Amino acid sequence: LGQTVLGFQLSIPQIVVTIAFCATLELAV
């Protein structure tokens, strides 16, 4: 909704990279 109708000042890579980084760090720990 933020990317389509709510006008979030946020990019798709900012979302995906943050999630992927967190997942990778948690997997490693």
mmCIF file of all heavy atoms, coordinates in Angstrom:
data_MODEL
# 
_entry.id   MODEL 
# 
loop_
_atom_site.group_PDB 
_atom_site.id 
_atom_site.type_symbol 
_atom_site.label_atom_id 
_atom_site.label_alt_id 
_atom_site.label_comp_id 
_atom_site.label_asym_id 
_atom_site.label_entity_id 
_atom_site.label_seq_id 
_atom_site.pdbx_PDB_ins_code 
_atom_site.Cartn_x 
_atom_site.Cartn_y 
_atom_site.Cartn_z 
_atom_site.occupancy 
_atom_site.B_iso_or_equiv 
_atom_site.pdbx_formal_charge 
_atom_site.auth_seq_id 
_atom_site.auth_comp_id 
_atom_site.auth_asym_id 
_atom_site.auth_atom_id 
_atom_site.pdbx_PDB_model_num 
ATOM 1   N N   . LEU A 1 1  ? 0.832  -1.205  0.000  1.00 0.00 ? 1  LEU A N   1 
ATOM 2   C CA  . LEU A 1 1  ? 0.000  0.000   0.000  1.00 0.00 ? 1  LEU A CA  1 
ATOM 3   C C   . LEU A 1 1  ? 0.868  1.257   0.000  1.00 0.00 ? 1  LEU A C   1 
ATOM 4   O O   . LEU A 1 1  ? 0.556  2.251   -0.666 1.00 0.00 ? 1  LEU A O   1 
ATOM 5   C CB  . LEU A 1 1  ? -0.920 0.005   1.227  1.00 0.00 ? 1  LEU A CB  1 
ATOM 6   C CG  . LEU A 1 1  ? -2.090 -0.980  1.212  1.00 0.00 ? 1  LEU A CG  1 
ATOM 7   C CD1 . LEU A 1 1  ? -2.816 -0.956  2.548  1.00 0.00 ? 1  LEU A CD1 1 
ATOM 8   C CD2 . LEU A 1 1  ? -3.058 -0.647  0.083  1.00 0.00 ? 1  LEU A CD2 1 
ATOM 9   N N   . GLY A 1 2  ? 1.982  1.207   0.746  1.00 0.00 ? 2  GLY A N   1 
ATOM 10  C CA  . GLY A 1 2  ? 2.877  2.358   0.789  1.00 0.00 ? 2  GLY A CA  1 
ATOM 11  C C   . GLY A 1 2  ? 3.501  2.668   -0.551 1.00 0.00 ? 2  GLY A C   1 
ATOM 12  O O   . GLY A 1 2  ? 3.670  3.835   -0.928 1.00 0.00 ? 2  GLY A O   1 
ATOM 13  N N   . GLN A 1 3  ? 3.838  1.644   -1.310 1.00 0.00 ? 3  GLN A N   1 
ATOM 14  C CA  . GLN A 1 3  ? 4.454  1.829   -2.618 1.00 0.00 ? 3  GLN A CA  1 
ATOM 15  C C   . GLN A 1 3  ? 3.438  2.225   -3.692 1.00 0.00 ? 3  GLN A C   1 
ATOM 16  O O   . GLN A 1 3  ? 3.810  2.808   -4.713 1.00 0.00 ? 3  GLN A O   1 
ATOM 17  C CB  . GLN A 1 3  ? 5.155  0.540   -3.040 1.00 0.00 ? 3  GLN A CB  1 
ATOM 18  C CG  . GLN A 1 3  ? 6.374  0.186   -2.207 1.00 0.00 ? 3  GLN A CG  1 
ATOM 19  C CD  . GLN A 1 3  ? 7.508  1.172   -2.362 1.00 0.00 ? 3  GLN A CD  1 
ATOM 20  O OE1 . GLN A 1 3  ? 7.904  1.531   -3.462 1.00 0.00 ? 3  GLN A OE1 1 
ATOM 21  N NE2 . GLN A 1 3  ? 8.034  1.653   -1.247 1.00 0.00 ? 3  GLN A NE2 1 
ATOM 22  N N   . THR A 1 4  ? 2.162  1.924   -3.465 1.00 0.00 ? 4  THR A N   1 
ATOM 23  C CA  . THR A 1 4  ? 1.156  2.159   -4.508 1.00 0.00 ? 4  THR A CA  1 
ATOM 24  C C   . THR A 1 4  ? 0.276  3.370   -4.236 1.00 0.00 ? 4  THR A C   1 
ATOM 25  O O   . THR A 1 4  ? 0.161  4.258   -5.086 1.00 0.00 ? 4  THR A O   1 
ATOM 26  C CB  . THR A 1 4  ? 0.283  0.907   -4.684 1.00 0.00 ? 4  THR A CB  1 
ATOM 27  O OG1 . THR A 1 4  ? -0.285 0.528   -3.409 1.00 0.00 ? 4  THR A OG1 1 
ATOM 28  C CG2 . THR A 1 4  ? 1.103  -0.250  -5.234 1.00 0.00 ? 4  THR A CG2 1 
ATOM 29  N N   . VAL A 1 5  ? -0.361 3.441   -3.062 1.00 0.00 ? 5  VAL A N   1 
ATOM 30  C CA  . VAL A 1 5  ? -1.368 4.486   -2.841 1.00 0.00 ? 5  VAL A CA  1 
ATOM 31  C C   . VAL A 1 5  ? -1.082 5.411   -1.666 1.00 0.00 ? 5  VAL A C   1 
ATOM 32  O O   . VAL A 1 5  ? -1.721 6.461   -1.539 1.00 0.00 ? 5  VAL A O   1 
ATOM 33  C CB  . VAL A 1 5  ? -2.772 3.862   -2.657 1.00 0.00 ? 5  VAL A CB  1 
ATOM 34  C CG1 . VAL A 1 5  ? -3.208 3.164   -3.921 1.00 0.00 ? 5  VAL A CG1 1 
ATOM 35  C CG2 . VAL A 1 5  ? -2.813 2.918   -1.462 1.00 0.00 ? 5  VAL A CG2 1 
ATOM 36  N N   . LEU A 1 6  ? -0.133 5.052   -0.796 1.00 0.00 ? 6  LEU A N   1 
ATOM 37  C CA  . LEU A 1 6  ? 0.122  5.886   0.384  1.00 0.00 ? 6  LEU A CA  1 
ATOM 38  C C   . LEU A 1 6  ? 1.299  6.837   0.200  1.00 0.00 ? 6  LEU A C   1 
ATOM 39  O O   . LEU A 1 6  ? 1.564  7.663   1.060  1.00 0.00 ? 6  LEU A O   1 
ATOM 40  C CB  . LEU A 1 6  ? 0.364  5.006   1.617  1.00 0.00 ? 6  LEU A CB  1 
ATOM 41  C CG  . LEU A 1 6  ? -0.863 4.239   2.140  1.00 0.00 ? 6  LEU A CG  1 
ATOM 42  C CD1 . LEU A 1 6  ? -0.475 3.328   3.287  1.00 0.00 ? 6  LEU A CD1 1 
ATOM 43  C CD2 . LEU A 1 6  ? -1.961 5.205   2.576  1.00 0.00 ? 6  LEU A CD2 1 
ATOM 44  N N   . GLY A 1 7  ? 2.026  6.719   -0.889 1.00 0.00 ? 7  GLY A N   1 
ATOM 45  C CA  . GLY A 1 7  ? 3.094  7.665   -1.189 1.00 0.00 ? 7  GLY A CA  1 
ATOM 46  C C   . GLY A 1 7  ? 4.300  7.598   -0.281 1.00 0.00 ? 7  GLY A C   1 
ATOM 47  O O   . GLY A 1 7  ? 4.937  8.621   -0.013 1.00 0.00 ? 7  GLY A O   1 
ATOM 48  N N   . PHE A 1 8  ? 4.649  6.403   0.203  1.00 0.00 ? 8  PHE A N   1 
ATOM 49  C CA  . PHE A 1 8  ? 5.820  6.275   1.076  1.00 0.00 ? 8  PHE A CA  1 
ATOM 50  C C   . PHE A 1 8  ? 7.079  6.736   0.343  1.00 0.00 ? 8  PHE A C   1 
ATOM 51  O O   . PHE A 1 8  ? 7.299  6.380   -0.812 1.00 0.00 ? 8  PHE A O   1 
ATOM 52  C CB  . PHE A 1 8  ? 6.006  4.830   1.513  1.00 0.00 ? 8  PHE A CB  1 
ATOM 53  C CG  . PHE A 1 8  ? 5.097  4.382   2.622  1.00 0.00 ? 8  PHE A CG  1 
ATOM 54  C CD1 . PHE A 1 8  ? 4.101  5.213   3.113  1.00 0.00 ? 8  PHE A CD1 1 
ATOM 55  C CD2 . PHE A 1 8  ? 5.235  3.126   3.179  1.00 0.00 ? 8  PHE A CD2 1 
ATOM 56  C CE1 . PHE A 1 8  ? 3.266  4.807   4.135  1.00 0.00 ? 8  PHE A CE1 1 
ATOM 57  C CE2 . PHE A 1 8  ? 4.406  2.706   4.202  1.00 0.00 ? 8  PHE A CE2 1 
ATOM 58  C CZ  . PHE A 1 8  ? 3.420  3.536   4.684  1.00 0.00 ? 8  PHE A CZ  1 
ATOM 59  N N   . GLN A 1 9  ? 7.906  7.500   1.043  1.00 0.00 ? 9  GLN A N   1 
ATOM 60  C CA  . GLN A 1 9  ? 9.200  7.931   0.503  1.00 0.00 ? 9  GLN A CA  1 
ATOM 61  C C   . GLN A 1 9  ? 10.223 6.825   0.753  1.00 0.00 ? 9  GLN A C   1 
ATOM 62  O O   . GLN A 1 9  ? 11.149 6.974   1.550  1.00 0.00 ? 9  GLN A O   1 
ATOM 63  C CB  . GLN A 1 9  ? 9.610  9.250   1.145  1.00 0.00 ? 9  GLN A CB  1 
ATOM 64  C CG  . GLN A 1 9  ? 8.664  10.401  0.827  1.00 0.00 ? 9  GLN A CG  1 
ATOM 65  C CD  . GLN A 1 9  ? 8.915  11.596  1.712  1.00 0.00 ? 9  GLN A CD  1 
ATOM 66  O OE1 . GLN A 1 9  ? 8.350  11.717  2.801  1.00 0.00 ? 9  GLN A OE1 1 
ATOM 67  N NE2 . GLN A 1 9  ? 9.780  12.493  1.265  1.00 0.00 ? 9  GLN A NE2 1 
ATOM 68  N N   . LEU A 1 10 ? 10.058 5.733   0.045  1.00 0.00 ? 10 LEU A N   1 
ATOM 69  C CA  . LEU A 1 10 ? 10.794 4.510   0.301  1.00 0.00 ? 10 LEU A CA  1 
ATOM 70  C C   . LEU A 1 10 ? 10.926 3.749   -1.011 1.00 0.00 ? 10 LEU A C   1 
ATOM 71  O O   . LEU A 1 10 ? 9.988  3.715   -1.807 1.00 0.00 ? 10 LEU A O   1 
ATOM 72  C CB  . LEU A 1 10 ? 10.022 3.660   1.331  1.00 0.00 ? 10 LEU A CB  1 
ATOM 73  C CG  . LEU A 1 10 ? 10.640 2.364   1.810  1.00 0.00 ? 10 LEU A CG  1 
ATOM 74  C CD1 . LEU A 1 10 ? 11.863 2.637   2.683  1.00 0.00 ? 10 LEU A CD1 1 
ATOM 75  C CD2 . LEU A 1 10 ? 9.603  1.551   2.588  1.00 0.00 ? 10 LEU A CD2 1 
ATOM 76  N N   . SER A 1 11 ? 12.103 3.158   -1.228 1.00 0.00 ? 11 SER A N   1 
ATOM 77  C CA  . SER A 1 11 ? 12.318 2.404   -2.473 1.00 0.00 ? 11 SER A CA  1 
ATOM 78  C C   . SER A 1 11 ? 12.196 0.911   -2.214 1.00 0.00 ? 11 SER A C   1 
ATOM 79  O O   . SER A 1 11 ? 12.314 0.440   -1.073 1.00 0.00 ? 11 SER A O   1 
ATOM 80  C CB  . SER A 1 11 ? 13.695 2.724   -3.052 1.00 0.00 ? 11 SER A CB  1 
ATOM 81  O OG  . SER A 1 11 ? 14.713 2.121   -2.270 1.00 0.00 ? 11 SER A OG  1 
ATOM 82  N N   . ILE A 1 12 ? 12.019 0.161   -3.281 1.00 0.00 ? 12 ILE A N   1 
ATOM 83  C CA  . ILE A 1 12 ? 11.937 -1.295  -3.173 1.00 0.00 ? 12 ILE A CA  1 
ATOM 84  C C   . ILE A 1 12 ? 13.260 -1.891  -2.681 1.00 0.00 ? 12 ILE A C   1 
ATOM 85  O O   . ILE A 1 12 ? 13.260 -2.752  -1.795 1.00 0.00 ? 12 ILE A O   1 
ATOM 86  C CB  . ILE A 1 12 ? 11.495 -1.903  -4.512 1.00 0.00 ? 12 ILE A CB  1 
ATOM 87  C CG1 . ILE A 1 12 ? 10.056 -1.473  -4.825 1.00 0.00 ? 12 ILE A CG1 1 
ATOM 88  C CG2 . ILE A 1 12 ? 11.594 -3.436  -4.488 1.00 0.00 ? 12 ILE A CG2 1 
ATOM 89  C CD1 . ILE A 1 12 ? 9.575  -1.843  -6.207 1.00 0.00 ? 12 ILE A CD1 1 
ATOM 90  N N   . PRO A 1 13 ? 14.427 -1.458  -3.207 1.00 0.00 ? 13 PRO A N   1 
ATOM 91  C CA  . PRO A 1 13 ? 15.685 -1.999  -2.672 1.00 0.00 ? 13 PRO A CA  1 
ATOM 92  C C   . PRO A 1 13 ? 15.907 -1.687  -1.189 1.00 0.00 ? 13 PRO A C   1 
ATOM 93  O O   . PRO A 1 13 ? 16.502 -2.509  -0.478 1.00 0.00 ? 13 PRO A O   1 
ATOM 94  C CB  . PRO A 1 13 ? 16.756 -1.313  -3.534 1.00 0.00 ? 13 PRO A CB  1 
ATOM 95  C CG  . PRO A 1 13 ? 16.066 -1.018  -4.813 1.00 0.00 ? 13 PRO A CG  1 
ATOM 96  C CD  . PRO A 1 13 ? 14.665 -0.648  -4.412 1.00 0.00 ? 13 PRO A CD  1 
ATOM 97  N N   . GLN A 1 14 ? 15.445 -0.522  -0.718 1.00 0.00 ? 14 GLN A N   1 
ATOM 98  C CA  . GLN A 1 14 ? 15.587 -0.231  0.702  1.00 0.00 ? 14 GLN A CA  1 
ATOM 99  C C   . GLN A 1 14 ? 14.846 -1.262  1.544  1.00 0.00 ? 14 GLN A C   1 
ATOM 100 O O   . GLN A 1 14 ? 15.308 -1.637  2.629  1.00 0.00 ? 14 GLN A O   1 
ATOM 101 C CB  . GLN A 1 14 ? 15.077 1.184   1.004  1.00 0.00 ? 14 GLN A CB  1 
ATOM 102 C CG  . GLN A 1 14 ? 15.995 2.287   0.505  1.00 0.00 ? 14 GLN A CG  1 
ATOM 103 C CD  . GLN A 1 14 ? 15.359 3.663   0.600  1.00 0.00 ? 14 GLN A CD  1 
ATOM 104 O OE1 . GLN A 1 14 ? 14.146 3.806   0.698  1.00 0.00 ? 14 GLN A OE1 1 
ATOM 105 N NE2 . GLN A 1 14 ? 16.194 4.702   0.575  1.00 0.00 ? 14 GLN A NE2 1 
ATOM 106 N N   . ILE A 1 15 ? 13.708 -1.718  1.051  1.00 0.00 ? 15 ILE A N   1 
ATOM 107 C CA  . ILE A 1 15 ? 12.946 -2.747  1.757  1.00 0.00 ? 15 ILE A CA  1 
ATOM 108 C C   . ILE A 1 15 ? 13.643 -4.101  1.651  1.00 0.00 ? 15 ILE A C   1 
ATOM 109 O O   . ILE A 1 15 ? 13.938 -4.756  2.653  1.00 0.00 ? 15 ILE A O   1 
ATOM 110 C CB  . ILE A 1 15 ? 11.515 -2.852  1.190  1.00 0.00 ? 15 ILE A CB  1 
ATOM 111 C CG1 . ILE A 1 15 ? 10.776 -1.528  1.318  1.00 0.00 ? 15 ILE A CG1 1 
ATOM 112 C CG2 . ILE A 1 15 ? 10.744 -3.974  1.889  1.00 0.00 ? 15 ILE A CG2 1 
ATOM 113 C CD1 . ILE A 1 15 ? 9.443  -1.500  0.587  1.00 0.00 ? 15 ILE A CD1 1 
ATOM 114 N N   . VAL A 1 16 ? 13.922 -4.506  0.413  1.00 0.00 ? 16 VAL A N   1 
ATOM 115 C CA  . VAL A 1 16 ? 14.431 -5.860  0.162  1.00 0.00 ? 16 VAL A CA  1 
ATOM 116 C C   . VAL A 1 16 ? 15.825 -6.066  0.754  1.00 0.00 ? 16 VAL A C   1 
ATOM 117 O O   . VAL A 1 16 ? 16.098 -7.090  1.388  1.00 0.00 ? 16 VAL A O   1 
ATOM 118 C CB  . VAL A 1 16 ? 14.432 -6.144  -1.357 1.00 0.00 ? 16 VAL A CB  1 
ATOM 119 C CG1 . VAL A 1 16 ? 15.099 -7.485  -1.645 1.00 0.00 ? 16 VAL A CG1 1 
ATOM 120 C CG2 . VAL A 1 16 ? 13.012 -6.129  -1.901 1.00 0.00 ? 16 VAL A CG2 1 
ATOM 121 N N   . VAL A 1 17 ? 16.703 -5.093  0.571  1.00 0.00 ? 17 VAL A N   1 
ATOM 122 C CA  . VAL A 1 17 ? 18.075 -5.228  1.077  1.00 0.00 ? 17 VAL A CA  1 
ATOM 123 C C   . VAL A 1 17 ? 18.084 -5.286  2.603  1.00 0.00 ? 17 VAL A C   1 
ATOM 124 O O   . VAL A 1 17 ? 18.820 -6.081  3.202  1.00 0.00 ? 17 VAL A O   1 
ATOM 125 C CB  . VAL A 1 17 ? 18.959 -4.074  0.561  1.00 0.00 ? 17 VAL A CB  1 
ATOM 126 C CG1 . VAL A 1 17 ? 20.318 -4.088  1.243  1.00 0.00 ? 17 VAL A CG1 1 
ATOM 127 C CG2 . VAL A 1 17 ? 19.132 -4.170  -0.950 1.00 0.00 ? 17 VAL A CG2 1 
ATOM 128 N N   . THR A 1 18 ? 17.252 -4.469  3.249  1.00 0.00 ? 18 THR A N   1 
ATOM 129 C CA  . THR A 1 18 ? 17.196 -4.480  4.715  1.00 0.00 ? 18 THR A CA  1 
ATOM 130 C C   . THR A 1 18 ? 16.713 -5.826  5.228  1.00 0.00 ? 18 THR A C   1 
ATOM 131 O O   . THR A 1 18 ? 17.285 -6.395  6.172  1.00 0.00 ? 18 THR A O   1 
ATOM 132 C CB  . THR A 1 18 ? 16.272 -3.358  5.226  1.00 0.00 ? 18 THR A CB  1 
ATOM 133 O OG1 . THR A 1 18 ? 16.701 -2.109  4.701  1.00 0.00 ? 18 THR A OG1 1 
ATOM 134 C CG2 . THR A 1 18 ? 16.300 -3.301  6.753  1.00 0.00 ? 18 THR A CG2 1 
ATOM 135 N N   . ILE A 1 19 ? 15.662 -6.370  4.615  1.00 0.00 ? 19 ILE A N   1 
ATOM 136 C CA  . ILE A 1 19 ? 15.147 -7.676  5.034  1.00 0.00 ? 19 ILE A CA  1 
ATOM 137 C C   . ILE A 1 19 ? 16.197 -8.765  4.787  1.00 0.00 ? 19 ILE A C   1 
ATOM 138 O O   . ILE A 1 19 ? 16.446 -9.614  5.662  1.00 0.00 ? 19 ILE A O   1 
ATOM 139 C CB  . ILE A 1 19 ? 13.845 -7.999  4.289  1.00 0.00 ? 19 ILE A CB  1 
ATOM 140 C CG1 . ILE A 1 19 ? 12.736 -7.028  4.711  1.00 0.00 ? 19 ILE A CG1 1 
ATOM 141 C CG2 . ILE A 1 19 ? 13.412 -9.440  4.552  1.00 0.00 ? 19 ILE A CG2 1 
ATOM 142 C CD1 . ILE A 1 19 ? 11.457 -7.177  3.913  1.00 0.00 ? 19 ILE A CD1 1 
ATOM 143 N N   . ALA A 1 20 ? 16.812 -8.754  3.604  1.00 0.00 ? 20 ALA A N   1 
ATOM 144 C CA  . ALA A 1 20 ? 17.813 -9.775  3.275  1.00 0.00 ? 20 ALA A CA  1 
ATOM 145 C C   . ALA A 1 20 ? 19.013 -9.696  4.217  1.00 0.00 ? 20 ALA A C   1 
ATOM 146 O O   . ALA A 1 20 ? 19.548 -10.734 4.646  1.00 0.00 ? 20 ALA A O   1 
ATOM 147 C CB  . ALA A 1 20 ? 18.263 -9.608  1.823  1.00 0.00 ? 20 ALA A CB  1 
ATOM 148 N N   . PHE A 1 21 ? 19.435 -8.472  4.561  1.00 0.00 ? 21 PHE A N   1 
ATOM 149 C CA  . PHE A 1 21 ? 20.569 -8.315  5.465  1.00 0.00 ? 21 PHE A CA  1 
ATOM 150 C C   . PHE A 1 21 ? 20.237 -8.883  6.846  1.00 0.00 ? 21 PHE A C   1 
ATOM 151 O O   . PHE A 1 21 ? 21.039 -9.603  7.446  1.00 0.00 ? 21 PHE A O   1 
ATOM 152 C CB  . PHE A 1 21 ? 20.932 -6.831  5.578  1.00 0.00 ? 21 PHE A CB  1 
ATOM 153 C CG  . PHE A 1 21 ? 22.057 -6.551  6.532  1.00 0.00 ? 21 PHE A CG  1 
ATOM 154 C CD1 . PHE A 1 21 ? 23.375 -6.715  6.147  1.00 0.00 ? 21 PHE A CD1 1 
ATOM 155 C CD2 . PHE A 1 21 ? 21.806 -6.112  7.823  1.00 0.00 ? 21 PHE A CD2 1 
ATOM 156 C CE1 . PHE A 1 21 ? 24.423 -6.463  7.026  1.00 0.00 ? 21 PHE A CE1 1 
ATOM 157 C CE2 . PHE A 1 21 ? 22.836 -5.850  8.713  1.00 0.00 ? 21 PHE A CE2 1 
ATOM 158 C CZ  . PHE A 1 21 ? 24.153 -6.032  8.308  1.00 0.00 ? 21 PHE A CZ  1 
ATOM 159 N N   . CYS A 1 22 ? 19.050 -8.553  7.351  1.00 0.00 ? 22 CYS A N   1 
ATOM 160 C CA  . CYS A 1 22 ? 18.643 -9.064  8.664  1.00 0.00 ? 22 CYS A CA  1 
ATOM 161 C C   . CYS A 1 22 ? 18.569 -10.590 8.653  1.00 0.00 ? 22 CYS A C   1 
ATOM 162 O O   . CYS A 1 22 ? 19.039 -11.254 9.592  1.00 0.00 ? 22 CYS A O   1 
ATOM 163 C CB  . CYS A 1 22 ? 17.286 -8.481  9.055  1.00 0.00 ? 22 CYS A CB  1 
ATOM 164 S SG  . CYS A 1 22 ? 17.321 -6.758  9.579  1.00 0.00 ? 22 CYS A SG  1 
ATOM 165 N N   . ALA A 1 23 ? 17.977 -11.146 7.589  1.00 0.00 ? 23 ALA A N   1 
ATOM 166 C CA  . ALA A 1 23 ? 17.849 -12.600 7.505  1.00 0.00 ? 23 ALA A CA  1 
ATOM 167 C C   . ALA A 1 23 ? 19.227 -13.276 7.464  1.00 0.00 ? 23 ALA A C   1 
ATOM 168 O O   . ALA A 1 23 ? 19.460 -14.281 8.150  1.00 0.00 ? 23 ALA A O   1 
ATOM 169 C CB  . ALA A 1 23 ? 17.041 -12.971 6.267  1.00 0.00 ? 23 ALA A CB  1 
ATOM 170 N N   . THR A 1 24 ? 20.139 -12.719 6.681  1.00 0.00 ? 24 THR A N   1 
ATOM 171 C CA  . THR A 1 24 ? 21.473 -13.299 6.565  1.00 0.00 ? 24 THR A CA  1 
ATOM 172 C C   . THR A 1 24 ? 22.233 -13.224 7.880  1.00 0.00 ? 24 THR A C   1 
ATOM 173 O O   . THR A 1 24 ? 22.874 -14.204 8.306  1.00 0.00 ? 24 THR A O   1 
ATOM 174 C CB  . THR A 1 24 ? 22.270 -12.571 5.471  1.00 0.00 ? 24 THR A CB  1 
ATOM 175 O OG1 . THR A 1 24 ? 21.564 -12.655 4.225  1.00 0.00 ? 24 THR A OG1 1 
ATOM 176 C CG2 . THR A 1 24 ? 23.654 -13.178 5.308  1.00 0.00 ? 24 THR A CG2 1 
ATOM 177 N N   . LEU A 1 25 ? 22.139 -12.077 8.557  1.00 0.00 ? 25 LEU A N   1 
ATOM 178 C CA  . LEU A 1 25 ? 22.835 -11.908 9.832  1.00 0.00 ? 25 LEU A CA  1 
ATOM 179 C C   . LEU A 1 25 ? 22.290 -12.875 10.879 1.00 0.00 ? 25 LEU A C   1 
ATOM 180 O O   . LEU A 1 25 ? 23.057 -13.513 11.610 1.00 0.00 ? 25 LEU A O   1 
ATOM 181 C CB  . LEU A 1 25 ? 22.702 -10.461 10.309 1.00 0.00 ? 25 LEU A CB  1 
ATOM 182 C CG  . LEU A 1 25 ? 23.448 -10.086 11.596 1.00 0.00 ? 25 LEU A CG  1 
ATOM 183 C CD1 . LEU A 1 25 ? 24.936 -10.370 11.458 1.00 0.00 ? 25 LEU A CD1 1 
ATOM 184 C CD2 . LEU A 1 25 ? 23.224 -8.606  11.929 1.00 0.00 ? 25 LEU A CD2 1 
ATOM 185 N N   . GLU A 1 26 ? 20.978 -13.018 10.932 1.00 0.00 ? 26 GLU A N   1 
ATOM 186 C CA  . GLU A 1 26 ? 20.381 -13.937 11.906 1.00 0.00 ? 26 GLU A CA  1 
ATOM 187 C C   . GLU A 1 26 ? 20.739 -15.386 11.597 1.00 0.00 ? 26 GLU A C   1 
ATOM 188 O O   . GLU A 1 26 ? 21.038 -16.175 12.503 1.00 0.00 ? 26 GLU A O   1 
ATOM 189 C CB  . GLU A 1 26 ? 18.860 -13.769 11.926 1.00 0.00 ? 26 GLU A CB  1 
ATOM 190 C CG  . GLU A 1 26 ? 18.160 -14.746 12.829 1.00 0.00 ? 26 GLU A CG  1 
ATOM 191 C CD  . GLU A 1 26 ? 17.502 -14.090 14.016 1.00 0.00 ? 26 GLU A CD  1 
ATOM 192 O OE1 . GLU A 1 26 ? 18.138 -13.235 14.668 1.00 0.00 ? 26 GLU A OE1 1 
ATOM 193 O OE2 . GLU A 1 26 ? 16.358 -14.429 14.303 1.00 0.00 ? 26 GLU A OE2 1 
ATOM 194 N N   . LEU A 1 27 ? 20.733 -15.754 10.317 1.00 0.00 ? 27 LEU A N   1 
ATOM 195 C CA  . LEU A 1 27 ? 21.132 -17.110 9.935  1.00 0.00 ? 27 LEU A CA  1 
ATOM 196 C C   . LEU A 1 27 ? 22.562 -17.396 10.380 1.00 0.00 ? 27 LEU A C   1 
ATOM 197 O O   . LEU A 1 27 ? 22.858 -18.479 10.909 1.00 0.00 ? 27 LEU A O   1 
ATOM 198 C CB  . LEU A 1 27 ? 20.996 -17.287 8.425  1.00 0.00 ? 27 LEU A CB  1 
ATOM 199 C CG  . LEU A 1 27 ? 19.616 -17.637 7.876  1.00 0.00 ? 27 LEU A CG  1 
ATOM 200 C CD1 . LEU A 1 27 ? 19.611 -17.528 6.362  1.00 0.00 ? 27 LEU A CD1 1 
ATOM 201 C CD2 . LEU A 1 27 ? 19.192 -19.036 8.318  1.00 0.00 ? 27 LEU A CD2 1 
ATOM 202 N N   . ALA A 1 28 ? 23.443 -16.421 10.168 1.00 0.00 ? 28 ALA A N   1 
ATOM 203 C CA  . ALA A 1 28 ? 24.851 -16.611 10.524 1.00 0.00 ? 28 ALA A CA  1 
ATOM 204 C C   . ALA A 1 28 ? 25.023 -16.766 12.031 1.00 0.00 ? 28 ALA A C   1 
ATOM 205 O O   . ALA A 1 28 ? 25.744 -17.660 12.499 1.00 0.00 ? 28 ALA A O   1 
ATOM 206 C CB  . ALA A 1 28 ? 25.671 -15.424 10.015 1.00 0.00 ? 28 ALA A CB  1 
ATOM 207 N N   . VAL A 1 29 ? 24.353 -15.899 12.805 1.00 0.00 ? 29 VAL A N   1 
ATOM 208 C CA  . VAL A 1 29 ? 24.489 -15.965 14.268 1.00 0.00 ? 29 VAL A CA  1 
ATOM 209 C C   . VAL A 1 29 ? 23.899 -17.266 14.802 1.00 0.00 ? 29 VAL A C   1 
ATOM 210 O O   . VAL A 1 29 ? 24.490 -17.930 15.666 1.00 0.00 ? 29 VAL A O   1 
ATOM 211 C CB  . VAL A 1 29 ? 23.812 -14.745 14.915 1.00 0.00 ? 29 VAL A CB  1 
ATOM 212 C CG1 . VAL A 1 29 ? 23.774 -14.901 16.429 1.00 0.00 ? 29 VAL A CG1 1 
ATOM 213 C CG2 . VAL A 1 29 ? 24.533 -13.466 14.536 1.00 0.00 ? 29 VAL A CG2 1 
# 
